[in-house]
Protein backbone atom coordinates (compact mmCIF):
# COMPACT_ATOMS: atom_id res chain seq x y z
CA MET A 1 0.00 0.00 0.00
CA VAL A 2 0.91 3.62 -0.30
CA ALA A 3 3.24 4.72 2.48
CA ASP A 4 1.02 7.58 3.68
CA LEU A 5 -1.95 5.38 4.66
CA THR A 6 -2.77 5.43 8.34
CA GLU A 7 -3.43 2.21 10.24
CA ASP A 8 -7.14 3.03 10.19
CA ARG A 9 -7.17 3.34 6.39
CA ARG A 10 -5.15 0.14 5.98
CA ALA A 11 -7.60 -1.73 8.22
CA LEU A 12 -10.57 -0.53 6.12
CA ILE A 13 -8.85 -1.69 2.93
CA GLU A 14 -8.06 -5.09 4.46
CA ARG A 15 -11.70 -5.56 5.54
CA ALA A 16 -12.80 -4.75 1.98
CA ARG A 17 -10.22 -7.14 0.53
CA LYS A 18 -11.54 -9.98 2.66
CA LEU A 19 -14.98 -9.43 1.12
CA ALA A 20 -13.61 -9.04 -2.41
CA ASP A 21 -11.42 -12.15 -2.17
CA THR A 22 -14.36 -14.34 -1.18
CA ASP A 23 -15.26 -16.68 -4.04
CA SER A 24 -18.70 -15.72 -5.43
CA SER A 25 -19.29 -19.26 -6.63
CA SER A 26 -18.98 -20.78 -3.15
CA SER A 27 -22.09 -22.06 -1.42
CA SER A 28 -22.25 -19.07 0.95
CA TRP A 29 -23.07 -16.74 -1.98
CA SER A 30 -26.61 -16.86 -3.36
CA PRO A 31 -27.13 -15.75 -6.97
CA LEU A 32 -29.60 -12.90 -7.47
CA GLN A 33 -31.60 -12.02 -10.56
CA SER A 34 -29.85 -9.25 -12.46
CA PRO A 35 -31.74 -6.59 -14.41
CA SER A 36 -28.92 -6.71 -16.98
CA ALA A 37 -27.44 -9.59 -18.95
CA PHE A 38 -24.04 -7.91 -18.53
CA VAL A 39 -24.04 -7.90 -14.70
CA THR A 40 -23.81 -10.90 -12.38
CA LEU A 41 -25.29 -10.34 -8.90
CA SER A 42 -24.86 -12.41 -5.74
CA MET A 43 -25.49 -11.96 -2.01
CA GLN A 44 -23.93 -13.43 1.11
CA PHE A 45 -25.98 -13.43 4.30
CA THR A 46 -24.40 -13.71 7.74
CA ALA A 47 -26.80 -14.89 10.43
CA PRO A 48 -26.94 -12.51 13.38
CA GLN A 49 -25.46 -13.36 16.73
CA HIS A 50 -27.71 -12.89 19.72
CA GLY A 51 -28.43 -9.18 20.19
CA SER A 52 -26.81 -8.02 16.95
CA ARG A 53 -28.01 -7.13 13.47
CA SER A 54 -27.85 -9.44 10.49
CA ILE A 55 -25.49 -8.53 7.69
CA ALA A 56 -25.97 -9.09 3.98
CA THR A 57 -23.16 -8.37 1.55
CA GLY A 58 -23.87 -7.88 -2.14
CA LYS A 59 -21.50 -8.32 -5.03
CA ALA A 60 -21.92 -7.16 -8.63
CA THR A 61 -19.53 -8.23 -11.38
CA ALA A 62 -19.41 -6.66 -14.83
CA VAL A 63 -17.02 -5.85 -17.66
CA ILE A 64 -16.85 -2.09 -18.24
CA ASP A 65 -15.40 -0.46 -21.35
CA THR A 66 -13.19 2.11 -19.63
CA SER A 67 -9.84 2.26 -17.90
CA SER A 68 -9.62 1.14 -14.29
CA HIS A 69 -8.38 4.61 -13.30
CA ASP A 70 -11.40 6.31 -14.88
CA ALA A 71 -13.82 3.85 -13.24
CA LEU A 72 -12.19 4.39 -9.84
CA ALA A 73 -12.21 8.18 -10.22
CA TYR A 74 -15.89 8.20 -11.25
CA THR A 75 -16.86 6.07 -8.26
CA PHE A 76 -14.77 8.06 -5.78
CA MET A 77 -15.93 11.47 -7.04
CA TYR A 78 -19.27 10.97 -5.31
CA CYS A 79 -20.43 14.56 -5.61
CA SER A 80 -19.06 15.56 -9.00
CA ARG A 81 -21.20 17.90 -11.09
CA GLU A 82 -22.24 15.07 -13.40
CA ARG A 83 -23.26 12.72 -10.57
CA MET A 84 -25.10 15.50 -8.72
CA ARG A 85 -27.06 16.31 -11.89
CA ILE A 86 -28.00 12.66 -12.40
CA ASN A 87 -28.86 11.85 -8.78
CA VAL A 88 -30.44 15.02 -7.49
CA VAL A 89 -31.84 16.80 -10.56
CA GLU A 90 -32.79 13.93 -12.89
CA GLU A 91 -33.67 11.22 -10.34
CA GLY A 92 -35.12 13.63 -7.77
CA ASN A 93 -33.18 12.31 -4.78
CA LEU A 94 -33.18 14.52 -1.69
CA ALA A 95 -29.44 14.87 -1.05
CA ARG A 96 -25.99 13.69 -2.05
CA LEU A 97 -23.04 15.33 -0.35
CA VAL A 98 -19.52 14.97 0.98
CA ILE A 99 -19.70 15.30 4.74
CA ARG A 100 -16.02 15.22 5.45
CA ASP A 101 -12.75 15.14 3.48
CA GLU A 102 -10.23 13.96 6.02
CA TYR A 103 -7.53 13.26 3.45
CA GLU A 104 -7.49 13.65 -0.32
CA HIS A 105 -8.32 9.95 -0.78
CA ASP A 106 -10.51 9.43 2.32
CA GLN A 107 -13.97 10.93 2.58
CA VAL A 108 -17.29 10.46 4.31
CA VAL A 109 -20.25 10.84 1.95
CA ALA A 110 -24.02 10.75 2.40
CA ALA A 111 -27.04 10.22 0.22
CA ILE A 112 -30.77 10.40 0.81
CA PRO A 113 -32.43 8.66 -2.12
CA ASN A 114 -36.15 8.68 -2.69
CA MET A 115 -37.64 5.26 -2.10
CA PRO A 116 -40.73 3.79 -3.73
CA PHE A 117 -44.00 3.83 -1.82
CA PRO A 118 -44.57 2.71 0.96
CA LEU A 119 -40.94 3.23 2.03
CA ARG A 120 -39.63 6.56 3.26
CA PRO A 121 -36.38 8.13 2.03
CA ARG A 122 -33.36 6.45 3.63
CA GLU A 123 -30.13 8.04 4.78
CA PHE A 124 -26.88 6.33 3.79
CA VAL A 125 -23.56 7.50 5.22
CA VAL A 126 -20.40 5.74 4.09
CA ARG A 127 -16.66 6.21 4.27
CA GLN A 128 -14.61 5.54 1.18
CA VAL A 129 -10.84 5.21 0.93
CA CYS A 130 -9.04 5.14 -2.41
CA ALA A 131 -5.48 3.81 -2.67
CA THR A 132 -2.92 2.32 -5.03
CA GLY A 133 -0.99 -0.82 -4.04
CA GLU A 134 2.72 -1.33 -4.53
CA ASP A 135 1.97 -3.57 -7.53
CA GLY A 136 -0.23 -0.88 -9.13
CA GLU A 137 -3.49 -2.41 -7.91
CA LEU A 138 -6.31 0.13 -7.53
CA VAL A 139 -8.47 -0.16 -4.42
CA LEU A 140 -11.69 1.58 -3.41
CA ALA A 141 -12.87 0.44 0.02
CA THR A 142 -16.30 1.58 1.22
CA GLU A 143 -18.13 0.87 4.48
CA SER A 144 -20.95 2.26 6.58
CA VAL A 145 -19.61 4.77 9.09
CA SER A 146 -22.22 5.19 11.78
CA LYS A 147 -20.08 3.09 14.16
CA LEU A 148 -16.88 4.87 13.10
CA LEU A 149 -18.42 8.29 13.72
CA ARG A 150 -19.49 7.31 17.25
CA GLU A 151 -16.02 5.89 18.03
CA ARG A 152 -14.38 9.16 16.99
CA GLY A 153 -16.82 11.31 18.92
CA TRP A 154 -18.66 12.55 15.85
CA TYR A 155 -22.40 12.18 15.82
CA TYR A 156 -24.39 11.85 12.65
CA GLU A 157 -27.77 13.58 12.75
CA GLY A 158 -30.30 13.07 10.01
CA THR A 159 -32.41 16.19 9.82
CA GLY A 160 -34.90 14.66 7.42
CA ALA A 161 -33.62 16.82 4.56
CA ILE A 162 -29.89 17.46 4.70
CA PRO A 163 -27.71 15.40 7.03
CA GLY A 164 -24.77 16.85 8.92
CA ILE A 165 -22.17 16.01 11.49
CA GLN A 166 -21.79 17.79 14.78
CA LYS A 167 -18.84 17.43 17.12
CA GLY A 168 -19.60 15.55 20.28
CA ALA A 169 -18.35 16.68 23.68
CA ASN A 170 -15.52 14.11 23.64
CA SER A 171 -14.28 14.77 20.11
CA GLU A 172 -10.94 16.12 19.06
CA ALA A 173 -10.53 19.69 17.90
């Protein structure tokens, strides 16, 4: 990995690698119906332990006609002008924003997409870290950050329209 990654960023990338290295054809992955003939979908479900939430991990595999660098940049640039136009203006979603840029390749982003009736709009807050390995491998690791924000003393508050982060009493300056 790149020398300037903190231990926290390295740990996130390793957790993502464990998921990515899991064989999709193994019995723990269930195939899902794909809306496209060009995309293969599968899901892995982890049964919850007593008192905890269940976890489902999805995987989509496709061949894309672009360079890996362009695909990574498009995915990481969560709030680019093009993606804001598509997601907020054309699709009518409520919000899509970068909450925090801690480092040039580490950001916390949020989205509030409209959901079909009878569901209400949902708030999604994720952290994404982008890195290049020593062998030139490109990595984009993404995970939900509600737990991370609480551990660091940051509290995520959904206002119903535009989410934000407020410093908690025990947070760093």
